[in-house]
N, C-alpha and C. Protein backbone atom coordinates (compact mmCIF):
# COMPACT_ATOMS: atom_id res chain seq x y z
N MET A 1 -18.97 16.15 192.51
CA MET A 1 -20.21 15.38 192.62
C MET A 1 -20.31 14.40 191.45
N ILE A 2 -20.64 13.17 191.76
CA ILE A 2 -20.81 12.13 190.74
C ILE A 2 -22.30 11.97 190.48
N ILE A 3 -22.69 12.07 189.21
CA ILE A 3 -24.11 12.02 188.85
C ILE A 3 -24.33 10.86 187.90
N GLU A 4 -25.31 10.02 188.20
CA GLU A 4 -25.66 8.91 187.35
C GLU A 4 -26.78 9.34 186.39
N THR A 5 -26.79 8.75 185.21
CA THR A 5 -27.80 9.08 184.22
C THR A 5 -28.95 8.08 184.25
N PHE A 6 -30.05 8.49 183.65
CA PHE A 6 -31.22 7.64 183.46
C PHE A 6 -31.41 7.42 181.97
N PRO A 7 -32.24 6.45 181.57
CA PRO A 7 -32.46 6.22 180.14
C PRO A 7 -32.93 7.47 179.39
N TYR A 8 -33.64 8.37 180.08
CA TYR A 8 -34.15 9.58 179.43
C TYR A 8 -33.16 10.74 179.52
N GLY A 9 -32.10 10.59 180.28
CA GLY A 9 -31.14 11.68 180.47
C GLY A 9 -30.83 11.90 181.93
N LEU A 10 -30.95 13.14 182.38
CA LEU A 10 -30.69 13.47 183.78
C LEU A 10 -31.99 13.70 184.54
N HIS A 11 -31.94 13.43 185.83
CA HIS A 11 -33.07 13.80 186.68
C HIS A 11 -33.19 15.32 186.66
N PRO A 12 -34.41 15.86 186.62
CA PRO A 12 -34.57 17.33 186.56
C PRO A 12 -33.81 18.08 187.65
N ASN A 13 -33.76 17.52 188.86
CA ASN A 13 -33.02 18.20 189.93
C ASN A 13 -31.53 18.24 189.63
N ASP A 14 -31.00 17.15 189.07
CA ASP A 14 -29.58 17.12 188.69
C ASP A 14 -29.30 18.11 187.56
N THR A 15 -30.21 18.16 186.61
CA THR A 15 -30.04 19.10 185.50
C THR A 15 -29.99 20.54 186.01
N ALA A 16 -30.90 20.88 186.88
CA ALA A 16 -30.96 22.24 187.43
C ALA A 16 -29.66 22.57 188.18
N TRP A 17 -29.16 21.61 188.94
CA TRP A 17 -27.93 21.84 189.70
C TRP A 17 -26.74 22.01 188.77
N VAL A 18 -26.65 21.17 187.73
CA VAL A 18 -25.55 21.26 186.77
C VAL A 18 -25.57 22.62 186.07
N VAL A 19 -26.73 23.05 185.60
CA VAL A 19 -26.85 24.34 184.91
C VAL A 19 -26.45 25.48 185.85
N GLU A 20 -26.82 25.36 187.12
CA GLU A 20 -26.44 26.38 188.10
C GLU A 20 -24.92 26.45 188.25
N GLN A 21 -24.28 25.30 188.34
CA GLN A 21 -22.82 25.27 188.49
C GLN A 21 -22.14 25.85 187.25
N LEU A 22 -22.64 25.51 186.08
CA LEU A 22 -22.06 26.04 184.84
C LEU A 22 -22.19 27.55 184.78
N GLY A 23 -23.31 28.07 185.26
CA GLY A 23 -23.52 29.51 185.28
C GLY A 23 -22.57 30.24 186.21
N LYS A 24 -21.99 29.52 187.16
CA LYS A 24 -21.03 30.10 188.09
C LYS A 24 -19.59 30.00 187.58
N GLY A 25 -19.44 29.49 186.36
CA GLY A 25 -18.10 29.36 185.81
C GLY A 25 -17.41 28.06 186.15
N LYS A 26 -18.16 27.09 186.69
CA LYS A 26 -17.57 25.81 187.07
C LYS A 26 -17.38 24.91 185.85
N VAL A 27 -16.50 23.95 186.01
CA VAL A 27 -16.21 22.97 184.95
C VAL A 27 -16.69 21.60 185.38
N GLY A 28 -17.26 20.86 184.46
CA GLY A 28 -17.67 19.49 184.73
C GLY A 28 -17.25 18.57 183.61
N ILE A 29 -17.56 17.30 183.75
CA ILE A 29 -17.29 16.30 182.72
C ILE A 29 -18.62 15.66 182.34
N VAL A 30 -18.89 15.64 181.05
CA VAL A 30 -20.16 15.09 180.55
C VAL A 30 -19.91 14.04 179.49
N PRO A 31 -20.80 13.07 179.37
CA PRO A 31 -20.73 12.14 178.22
C PRO A 31 -21.31 12.81 177.00
N THR A 32 -20.79 12.48 175.84
CA THR A 32 -21.37 12.95 174.59
C THR A 32 -21.62 11.72 173.72
N ASP A 33 -22.00 11.93 172.47
CA ASP A 33 -22.19 10.78 171.58
C ASP A 33 -20.85 10.29 171.01
N THR A 34 -19.75 10.88 171.50
CA THR A 34 -18.42 10.42 171.09
C THR A 34 -17.62 10.04 172.33
N VAL A 35 -16.98 11.01 173.00
CA VAL A 35 -16.17 10.71 174.18
C VAL A 35 -16.60 11.63 175.33
N TYR A 36 -16.10 11.32 176.54
CA TYR A 36 -16.31 12.23 177.66
C TYR A 36 -15.61 13.55 177.36
N ALA A 37 -16.22 14.64 177.83
CA ALA A 37 -15.66 15.97 177.54
C ALA A 37 -15.73 16.86 178.77
N PHE A 38 -14.68 17.66 178.95
CA PHE A 38 -14.76 18.76 179.89
C PHE A 38 -15.76 19.76 179.32
N CYS A 39 -16.53 20.41 180.19
CA CYS A 39 -17.47 21.40 179.69
C CYS A 39 -17.57 22.57 180.64
N CYS A 40 -17.92 23.72 180.08
CA CYS A 40 -18.24 24.90 180.87
C CYS A 40 -19.20 25.74 180.04
N GLN A 41 -19.79 26.73 180.65
CA GLN A 41 -20.66 27.63 179.89
C GLN A 41 -19.78 28.48 178.99
N SER A 42 -20.19 28.66 177.74
CA SER A 42 -19.30 29.25 176.74
C SER A 42 -18.99 30.73 176.97
N ASP A 43 -19.77 31.41 177.81
CA ASP A 43 -19.48 32.81 178.09
C ASP A 43 -18.72 33.01 179.39
N GLN A 44 -18.23 31.92 179.98
CA GLN A 44 -17.52 31.99 181.25
C GLN A 44 -16.02 31.81 181.03
N LYS A 45 -15.28 32.91 181.06
CA LYS A 45 -13.84 32.84 180.83
C LYS A 45 -13.15 32.01 181.90
N ALA A 46 -13.64 32.06 183.14
CA ALA A 46 -13.02 31.29 184.23
C ALA A 46 -13.09 29.80 183.93
N GLY A 47 -14.24 29.35 183.39
CA GLY A 47 -14.37 27.95 183.05
C GLY A 47 -13.43 27.56 181.93
N TYR A 48 -13.33 28.41 180.92
CA TYR A 48 -12.42 28.17 179.81
C TYR A 48 -10.98 28.04 180.31
N GLU A 49 -10.56 28.93 181.17
CA GLU A 49 -9.19 28.88 181.69
C GLU A 49 -8.96 27.64 182.54
N SER A 50 -9.99 27.21 183.25
CA SER A 50 -9.86 25.98 184.06
C SER A 50 -9.67 24.76 183.17
N ILE A 51 -10.43 24.69 182.06
CA ILE A 51 -10.27 23.57 181.13
C ILE A 51 -8.86 23.57 180.55
N CYS A 52 -8.37 24.75 180.16
CA CYS A 52 -7.01 24.84 179.63
C CYS A 52 -5.99 24.36 180.65
N GLN A 53 -6.19 24.71 181.91
CA GLN A 53 -5.27 24.27 182.96
C GLN A 53 -5.33 22.76 183.14
N LEU A 54 -6.53 22.19 183.11
CA LEU A 54 -6.68 20.75 183.26
C LEU A 54 -6.00 19.99 182.11
N LYS A 55 -5.98 20.60 180.93
CA LYS A 55 -5.42 19.95 179.75
C LYS A 55 -4.01 20.45 179.41
N HIS A 56 -3.47 21.31 180.26
CA HIS A 56 -2.12 21.86 180.06
C HIS A 56 -2.00 22.56 178.71
N LEU A 57 -2.98 23.42 178.43
CA LEU A 57 -3.02 24.15 177.17
C LEU A 57 -2.81 25.64 177.42
N ASP A 58 -2.22 26.32 176.46
CA ASP A 58 -2.09 27.77 176.49
C ASP A 58 -3.45 28.38 176.13
N PRO A 59 -4.08 29.15 177.01
CA PRO A 59 -5.40 29.71 176.71
C PRO A 59 -5.44 30.56 175.44
N LYS A 60 -4.31 31.12 175.04
CA LYS A 60 -4.27 31.96 173.85
C LYS A 60 -4.25 31.14 172.56
N GLU A 61 -3.92 29.84 172.68
CA GLU A 61 -3.78 29.01 171.50
C GLU A 61 -4.73 27.81 171.47
N ALA A 62 -5.43 27.57 172.57
CA ALA A 62 -6.26 26.37 172.68
C ALA A 62 -7.40 26.39 171.65
N LEU A 63 -7.62 25.25 171.01
CA LEU A 63 -8.70 25.10 170.04
C LEU A 63 -9.88 24.41 170.71
N MET A 64 -10.99 25.09 170.82
CA MET A 64 -12.16 24.57 171.51
C MET A 64 -13.34 24.44 170.56
N SER A 65 -14.33 23.69 171.02
CA SER A 65 -15.60 23.57 170.30
C SER A 65 -16.72 24.03 171.22
N ILE A 66 -17.82 24.43 170.61
CA ILE A 66 -19.01 24.71 171.39
C ILE A 66 -20.11 23.73 170.99
N ILE A 67 -20.94 23.41 171.96
CA ILE A 67 -22.11 22.57 171.72
C ILE A 67 -23.33 23.48 171.72
N CYS A 68 -24.08 23.42 170.65
CA CYS A 68 -25.32 24.20 170.53
C CYS A 68 -26.51 23.25 170.49
N LYS A 69 -27.67 23.79 170.85
CA LYS A 69 -28.87 22.94 170.85
C LYS A 69 -29.39 22.71 169.44
N ASP A 70 -29.12 23.67 168.53
CA ASP A 70 -29.56 23.52 167.14
C ASP A 70 -28.80 24.50 166.26
N LEU A 71 -29.02 24.43 164.95
CA LEU A 71 -28.31 25.31 164.02
C LEU A 71 -28.73 26.76 164.16
N SER A 72 -29.96 26.99 164.58
CA SER A 72 -30.41 28.36 164.78
C SER A 72 -29.58 29.05 165.86
N GLN A 73 -29.38 28.38 166.96
CA GLN A 73 -28.53 28.94 168.02
C GLN A 73 -27.09 29.07 167.54
N ALA A 74 -26.61 28.07 166.85
CA ALA A 74 -25.21 28.07 166.40
C ALA A 74 -24.90 29.23 165.47
N SER A 75 -25.86 29.61 164.63
CA SER A 75 -25.60 30.63 163.62
C SER A 75 -25.18 31.96 164.22
N THR A 76 -25.50 32.19 165.48
CA THR A 76 -25.12 33.44 166.14
C THR A 76 -23.62 33.56 166.33
N TYR A 77 -22.93 32.44 166.42
CA TYR A 77 -21.53 32.43 166.85
C TYR A 77 -20.53 32.28 165.70
N TYR A 78 -21.03 32.21 164.47
CA TYR A 78 -20.15 31.99 163.32
C TYR A 78 -20.45 33.01 162.23
N ILE A 79 -19.47 33.21 161.34
CA ILE A 79 -19.69 34.02 160.16
C ILE A 79 -20.81 33.38 159.34
N GLN A 80 -21.65 34.20 158.74
CA GLN A 80 -22.83 33.71 158.04
C GLN A 80 -22.47 32.60 157.05
N TRP A 81 -23.19 31.50 157.12
CA TRP A 81 -22.92 30.36 156.26
C TRP A 81 -23.50 30.58 154.88
N ASP A 82 -22.77 30.12 153.86
CA ASP A 82 -23.36 30.09 152.53
C ASP A 82 -24.26 28.85 152.42
N THR A 83 -25.01 28.76 151.34
CA THR A 83 -25.99 27.67 151.19
C THR A 83 -25.35 26.28 151.22
N PRO A 84 -24.23 26.03 150.52
CA PRO A 84 -23.62 24.69 150.57
C PRO A 84 -23.18 24.30 151.98
N THR A 85 -22.62 25.26 152.73
CA THR A 85 -22.20 24.96 154.10
C THR A 85 -23.40 24.61 154.97
N TYR A 86 -24.46 25.41 154.86
CA TYR A 86 -25.66 25.13 155.65
C TYR A 86 -26.22 23.76 155.33
N ARG A 87 -26.23 23.38 154.07
CA ARG A 87 -26.79 22.08 153.69
C ARG A 87 -26.00 20.93 154.31
N ILE A 88 -24.67 21.06 154.34
CA ILE A 88 -23.84 20.02 154.94
C ILE A 88 -24.13 19.91 156.43
N LEU A 89 -24.20 21.05 157.12
CA LEU A 89 -24.49 21.04 158.55
C LEU A 89 -25.87 20.44 158.81
N HIS A 90 -26.85 20.83 158.00
CA HIS A 90 -28.21 20.36 158.19
C HIS A 90 -28.33 18.85 157.97
N LYS A 91 -27.57 18.30 157.02
CA LYS A 91 -27.63 16.88 156.72
C LYS A 91 -26.95 16.02 157.79
N ASN A 92 -25.97 16.57 158.50
CA ASN A 92 -25.13 15.76 159.39
C ASN A 92 -25.31 16.02 160.88
N LEU A 93 -26.04 17.07 161.23
CA LEU A 93 -26.23 17.40 162.64
C LEU A 93 -27.71 17.32 162.99
N PRO A 94 -28.04 16.82 164.20
CA PRO A 94 -27.10 16.35 165.23
C PRO A 94 -26.43 15.03 164.83
N GLY A 95 -25.23 14.84 165.38
CA GLY A 95 -24.48 13.64 165.06
C GLY A 95 -23.06 13.74 165.57
N PRO A 96 -22.26 12.67 165.37
CA PRO A 96 -20.91 12.58 165.94
C PRO A 96 -19.85 13.32 165.11
N PHE A 97 -20.10 14.60 164.87
CA PHE A 97 -19.19 15.41 164.06
C PHE A 97 -18.71 16.63 164.83
N THR A 98 -17.50 17.07 164.50
CA THR A 98 -17.02 18.40 164.87
C THR A 98 -16.74 19.14 163.57
N PHE A 99 -17.46 20.23 163.35
CA PHE A 99 -17.25 21.03 162.15
C PHE A 99 -16.43 22.27 162.52
N ILE A 100 -15.33 22.47 161.83
CA ILE A 100 -14.50 23.66 162.02
C ILE A 100 -15.03 24.75 161.11
N LEU A 101 -15.41 25.87 161.73
CA LEU A 101 -16.02 26.98 160.99
C LEU A 101 -15.37 28.30 161.41
N ASN A 102 -15.53 29.32 160.59
CA ASN A 102 -15.00 30.65 160.91
C ASN A 102 -15.87 31.28 161.99
N SER A 103 -15.25 31.70 163.09
CA SER A 103 -16.00 32.29 164.19
C SER A 103 -16.48 33.69 163.83
N GLY A 104 -17.62 34.07 164.40
CA GLY A 104 -18.22 35.36 164.12
C GLY A 104 -18.01 36.37 165.23
N HIS A 105 -18.62 37.53 165.09
CA HIS A 105 -18.42 38.62 166.04
C HIS A 105 -18.99 38.30 167.42
N HIS A 106 -19.99 37.43 167.49
CA HIS A 106 -20.63 37.14 168.77
C HIS A 106 -19.98 35.99 169.53
N ALA A 107 -18.97 35.37 168.95
CA ALA A 107 -18.22 34.34 169.67
C ALA A 107 -17.46 35.01 170.82
N PRO A 108 -17.34 34.34 171.97
CA PRO A 108 -16.61 34.95 173.09
C PRO A 108 -15.21 35.39 172.68
N THR A 109 -14.83 36.58 173.11
CA THR A 109 -13.54 37.14 172.70
C THR A 109 -12.36 36.27 173.12
N PHE A 110 -12.48 35.59 174.27
CA PHE A 110 -11.35 34.78 174.73
C PHE A 110 -11.19 33.50 173.92
N LEU A 111 -12.14 33.21 173.02
CA LEU A 111 -12.01 32.05 172.12
C LEU A 111 -11.43 32.43 170.77
N LYS A 112 -11.27 33.71 170.52
CA LYS A 112 -10.84 34.16 169.20
C LYS A 112 -9.31 34.14 169.09
N HIS A 113 -8.78 32.94 168.89
CA HIS A 113 -7.34 32.78 168.73
C HIS A 113 -6.93 33.23 167.33
N THR A 114 -5.67 33.08 167.02
CA THR A 114 -5.14 33.62 165.77
C THR A 114 -5.78 32.99 164.53
N ARG A 115 -6.27 31.75 164.63
CA ARG A 115 -6.86 31.10 163.46
C ARG A 115 -8.29 31.56 163.19
N LYS A 116 -8.92 32.18 164.18
CA LYS A 116 -10.28 32.70 164.05
C LYS A 116 -11.27 31.62 163.61
N THR A 117 -11.08 30.42 164.13
CA THR A 117 -12.02 29.33 163.87
C THR A 117 -12.55 28.79 165.19
N LEU A 118 -13.67 28.10 165.11
CA LEU A 118 -14.30 27.54 166.29
C LEU A 118 -15.05 26.29 165.89
N GLY A 119 -14.83 25.21 166.63
CA GLY A 119 -15.51 23.97 166.33
C GLY A 119 -16.98 24.01 166.74
N LEU A 120 -17.82 23.34 165.98
CA LEU A 120 -19.24 23.25 166.29
C LEU A 120 -19.63 21.80 166.47
N ARG A 121 -20.35 21.52 167.57
CA ARG A 121 -20.90 20.20 167.81
C ARG A 121 -22.38 20.33 168.18
N ILE A 122 -23.20 19.42 167.67
CA ILE A 122 -24.58 19.27 168.11
C ILE A 122 -24.79 17.77 168.32
N PRO A 123 -24.44 17.25 169.50
CA PRO A 123 -24.54 15.81 169.74
C PRO A 123 -25.99 15.35 169.91
N GLN A 124 -26.16 14.04 169.78
CA GLN A 124 -27.48 13.44 169.98
C GLN A 124 -27.68 12.91 171.40
N HIS A 125 -26.64 12.95 172.22
CA HIS A 125 -26.69 12.28 173.52
C HIS A 125 -27.78 12.87 174.42
N ARG A 126 -28.51 12.00 175.10
CA ARG A 126 -29.64 12.41 175.92
C ARG A 126 -29.22 13.33 177.07
N VAL A 127 -28.03 13.15 177.63
CA VAL A 127 -27.56 14.01 178.72
C VAL A 127 -27.35 15.43 178.21
N ILE A 128 -26.70 15.56 177.07
CA ILE A 128 -26.48 16.88 176.49
C ILE A 128 -27.81 17.56 176.20
N LYS A 129 -28.76 16.80 175.68
CA LYS A 129 -30.08 17.38 175.39
C LYS A 129 -30.74 17.88 176.67
N SER A 130 -30.64 17.11 177.75
CA SER A 130 -31.22 17.52 179.03
C SER A 130 -30.64 18.85 179.50
N ILE A 131 -29.33 18.99 179.35
CA ILE A 131 -28.65 20.21 179.79
C ILE A 131 -28.97 21.38 178.87
N MET A 132 -28.85 21.16 177.56
CA MET A 132 -29.02 22.26 176.62
C MET A 132 -30.45 22.80 176.62
N ASP A 133 -31.43 21.96 176.95
CA ASP A 133 -32.81 22.42 177.03
C ASP A 133 -33.00 23.49 178.10
N GLN A 134 -32.07 23.53 179.08
CA GLN A 134 -32.20 24.47 180.18
C GLN A 134 -31.19 25.62 180.10
N MET A 135 -30.41 25.67 179.04
CA MET A 135 -29.37 26.69 178.91
C MET A 135 -29.71 27.68 177.79
N LYS A 136 -29.29 28.92 177.99
CA LYS A 136 -29.54 29.96 177.00
C LYS A 136 -28.32 30.21 176.12
N VAL A 137 -27.18 29.68 176.51
CA VAL A 137 -25.95 29.85 175.74
C VAL A 137 -25.33 28.47 175.50
N PRO A 138 -24.45 28.35 174.53
CA PRO A 138 -23.82 27.05 174.26
C PRO A 138 -22.90 26.59 175.39
N LEU A 139 -22.57 25.32 175.33
CA LEU A 139 -21.52 24.76 176.17
C LEU A 139 -20.19 24.82 175.41
N MET A 140 -19.13 25.05 176.12
CA MET A 140 -17.80 24.90 175.55
C MET A 140 -17.27 23.54 175.98
N VAL A 141 -16.68 22.78 175.05
CA VAL A 141 -16.26 21.42 175.36
C VAL A 141 -14.87 21.13 174.81
N SER A 142 -14.22 20.18 175.47
CA SER A 142 -12.92 19.68 175.02
C SER A 142 -12.76 18.26 175.56
N SER A 143 -12.30 17.36 174.73
CA SER A 143 -12.22 15.94 175.08
C SER A 143 -11.38 15.70 176.32
N VAL A 144 -11.82 14.76 177.15
CA VAL A 144 -11.04 14.32 178.31
C VAL A 144 -10.10 13.22 177.85
N MET A 145 -8.81 13.45 178.00
CA MET A 145 -7.81 12.50 177.50
C MET A 145 -6.78 12.19 178.57
N GLN A 146 -6.14 11.04 178.40
CA GLN A 146 -5.04 10.66 179.27
C GLN A 146 -3.80 10.40 178.42
N GLU A 147 -2.66 10.39 179.08
CA GLU A 147 -1.39 10.22 178.37
C GLU A 147 -1.14 8.74 178.10
N ASP A 148 -1.87 8.20 177.15
CA ASP A 148 -1.77 6.80 176.79
C ASP A 148 -2.01 6.70 175.29
N ASP A 149 -0.98 6.40 174.53
CA ASP A 149 -1.10 6.35 173.08
C ASP A 149 -2.03 5.24 172.60
N ILE A 150 -2.11 4.14 173.37
CA ILE A 150 -2.94 3.01 172.97
C ILE A 150 -4.41 3.27 173.31
N ASN A 151 -4.67 3.79 174.49
CA ASN A 151 -6.04 4.07 174.92
C ASN A 151 -6.09 5.47 175.53
N PRO A 152 -6.22 6.51 174.70
CA PRO A 152 -6.15 7.88 175.20
C PRO A 152 -7.40 8.36 175.93
N TYR A 153 -8.49 7.60 175.91
CA TYR A 153 -9.73 8.02 176.53
C TYR A 153 -10.08 7.11 177.71
N PHE A 154 -10.91 7.60 178.61
CA PHE A 154 -11.20 6.91 179.86
C PHE A 154 -12.38 5.97 179.69
N ASP A 155 -12.08 4.68 179.46
CA ASP A 155 -13.14 3.67 179.37
C ASP A 155 -13.59 3.21 180.75
N ASP A 156 -12.72 3.38 181.75
CA ASP A 156 -12.99 2.94 183.12
C ASP A 156 -13.53 4.12 183.92
N ALA A 157 -14.79 4.04 184.35
CA ALA A 157 -15.41 5.14 185.09
C ALA A 157 -14.69 5.40 186.41
N ASP A 158 -14.24 4.33 187.08
CA ASP A 158 -13.55 4.50 188.35
C ASP A 158 -12.25 5.28 188.17
N GLU A 159 -11.57 5.03 187.06
CA GLU A 159 -10.33 5.74 186.78
C GLU A 159 -10.61 7.22 186.49
N LEU A 160 -11.68 7.46 185.75
CA LEU A 160 -12.08 8.84 185.46
C LEU A 160 -12.39 9.59 186.75
N ILE A 161 -13.12 8.95 187.65
CA ILE A 161 -13.46 9.56 188.93
C ILE A 161 -12.21 9.82 189.75
N SER A 162 -11.34 8.82 189.83
CA SER A 162 -10.12 8.95 190.62
C SER A 162 -9.27 10.11 190.14
N ARG A 163 -9.20 10.32 188.85
CA ARG A 163 -8.34 11.36 188.29
C ARG A 163 -8.93 12.76 188.46
N PHE A 164 -10.26 12.87 188.34
CA PHE A 164 -10.81 14.22 188.21
C PHE A 164 -11.87 14.62 189.24
N GLU A 165 -12.29 13.72 190.12
CA GLU A 165 -13.39 14.06 191.04
C GLU A 165 -13.11 15.32 191.85
N LYS A 166 -11.87 15.51 192.26
CA LYS A 166 -11.52 16.67 193.09
C LYS A 166 -11.13 17.90 192.27
N LYS A 167 -11.13 17.76 190.95
CA LYS A 167 -10.68 18.86 190.09
C LYS A 167 -11.81 19.54 189.33
N VAL A 168 -12.99 18.89 189.30
CA VAL A 168 -14.13 19.47 188.60
C VAL A 168 -15.35 19.48 189.52
N ALA A 169 -16.35 20.27 189.15
CA ALA A 169 -17.54 20.39 189.99
C ALA A 169 -18.42 19.15 189.93
N PHE A 170 -18.42 18.47 188.79
CA PHE A 170 -19.27 17.29 188.64
C PHE A 170 -18.74 16.39 187.52
N ILE A 171 -19.05 15.11 187.65
CA ILE A 171 -18.80 14.13 186.60
C ILE A 171 -20.11 13.38 186.37
N ILE A 172 -20.61 13.43 185.15
CA ILE A 172 -21.84 12.72 184.81
C ILE A 172 -21.45 11.42 184.11
N LEU A 173 -21.84 10.31 184.69
CA LEU A 173 -21.45 9.00 184.17
C LEU A 173 -22.57 8.37 183.34
N ASP A 174 -22.18 7.78 182.24
CA ASP A 174 -23.11 7.03 181.40
C ASP A 174 -22.62 5.60 181.31
N PRO A 175 -23.33 4.65 181.95
CA PRO A 175 -22.87 3.25 181.95
C PRO A 175 -22.86 2.62 180.57
N ASP A 176 -23.58 3.20 179.62
CA ASP A 176 -23.64 2.65 178.27
C ASP A 176 -22.67 3.34 177.31
N MET A 177 -21.80 4.16 177.86
CA MET A 177 -20.89 4.95 177.03
C MET A 177 -19.92 4.07 176.26
N THR A 178 -19.86 4.27 174.95
CA THR A 178 -18.85 3.65 174.10
C THR A 178 -18.06 4.78 173.46
N GLN A 179 -16.81 4.92 173.88
CA GLN A 179 -16.05 6.09 173.47
C GLN A 179 -15.41 5.91 172.09
N GLU A 180 -15.73 6.83 171.21
CA GLU A 180 -15.14 6.87 169.89
C GLU A 180 -15.18 8.32 169.43
N VAL A 181 -14.06 8.83 168.96
CA VAL A 181 -13.94 10.25 168.67
C VAL A 181 -14.87 10.68 167.54
N SER A 182 -15.09 11.98 167.46
CA SER A 182 -15.92 12.54 166.39
C SER A 182 -15.14 12.60 165.08
N THR A 183 -15.88 12.62 163.99
CA THR A 183 -15.30 12.93 162.69
C THR A 183 -15.15 14.46 162.62
N VAL A 184 -13.94 14.92 162.28
CA VAL A 184 -13.67 16.35 162.25
C VAL A 184 -13.62 16.82 160.80
N VAL A 185 -14.42 17.83 160.50
CA VAL A 185 -14.54 18.33 159.13
C VAL A 185 -14.26 19.83 159.11
N ASP A 186 -13.32 20.25 158.28
CA ASP A 186 -12.97 21.66 158.14
C ASP A 186 -13.78 22.26 156.99
N LEU A 187 -14.62 23.24 157.32
CA LEU A 187 -15.45 23.90 156.32
C LEU A 187 -15.04 25.36 156.12
N THR A 188 -13.80 25.70 156.48
CA THR A 188 -13.38 27.10 156.41
C THR A 188 -12.82 27.48 155.05
N GLY A 189 -12.52 26.53 154.20
CA GLY A 189 -11.94 26.83 152.89
C GLY A 189 -12.91 26.57 151.76
N GLU A 190 -12.39 26.63 150.55
CA GLU A 190 -13.24 26.39 149.38
C GLU A 190 -13.60 24.92 149.22
N GLU A 191 -12.76 24.04 149.74
CA GLU A 191 -13.00 22.60 149.65
C GLU A 191 -13.31 22.03 151.04
N ILE A 192 -14.13 21.00 151.08
CA ILE A 192 -14.39 20.28 152.33
C ILE A 192 -13.18 19.41 152.64
N VAL A 193 -12.65 19.53 153.87
CA VAL A 193 -11.48 18.75 154.27
C VAL A 193 -11.83 17.94 155.51
N ILE A 194 -11.76 16.61 155.40
CA ILE A 194 -11.98 15.74 156.56
C ILE A 194 -10.64 15.57 157.27
N LEU A 195 -10.52 16.20 158.44
CA LEU A 195 -9.27 16.18 159.19
C LEU A 195 -9.11 14.88 159.97
N ARG A 196 -10.23 14.29 160.36
CA ARG A 196 -10.19 13.01 161.09
C ARG A 196 -11.46 12.24 160.78
N GLN A 197 -11.30 11.04 160.25
CA GLN A 197 -12.44 10.19 159.94
C GLN A 197 -12.69 9.22 161.08
N SER A 198 -13.91 9.24 161.62
CA SER A 198 -14.30 8.29 162.65
C SER A 198 -15.59 7.63 162.19
N ARG A 199 -16.47 7.27 163.12
CA ARG A 199 -17.68 6.54 162.73
C ARG A 199 -18.70 7.42 162.01
N GLY A 200 -18.57 8.73 162.11
CA GLY A 200 -19.49 9.61 161.41
C GLY A 200 -19.17 9.71 159.94
N GLU A 201 -20.03 9.17 159.07
CA GLU A 201 -19.84 9.26 157.64
C GLU A 201 -20.51 10.53 157.12
N LEU A 202 -19.74 11.39 156.47
CA LEU A 202 -20.22 12.70 156.06
C LEU A 202 -21.15 12.61 154.87
N TYR A 203 -22.33 13.23 154.98
CA TYR A 203 -23.25 13.37 153.86
C TYR A 203 -23.05 14.75 153.23
N THR A 204 -22.82 14.78 151.93
CA THR A 204 -22.58 16.06 151.26
C THR A 204 -23.67 16.34 150.21
């Protein structure tokens, strides 16, 4: 199903349908404040395995991120943050960042790969906000990419639809989407490490 967005986000009926599909373990494609992403409900192993299959990843080694509605929800899924870590997260989220953090006991077991880390995202995008307002658990996300070194992301909506319409439950299109990857920050060690610098400038 192809879903168009409105300036405020999604139509309530579309939001309800999307949340229902996610609850059934289905996978969809959503716009974020960075790039389009595959998504599923974070407690649905079937959805996780489907994303891995779509991206040709080994489920035992795949590195995923979760989208939370706020830091309060996020804190459940990670090892307790110290004060400096919390301050960095609070200063920069919501925003176009992926923070790599140590996963906690409440993170889904199928996400606990050998590195025991899990990415955290809290985007500002209105579509994500519409969905997260109706969900009790985080979304699991992974960027939608194509095998093109020059343009690895789908700027053409028709091409995105052609490639994935029959492989996912829904594709939510944002006509104003400008795709640019998130800034990736590793907070698992003693020092802050910026693994990828994009438009998100880190406040420390």
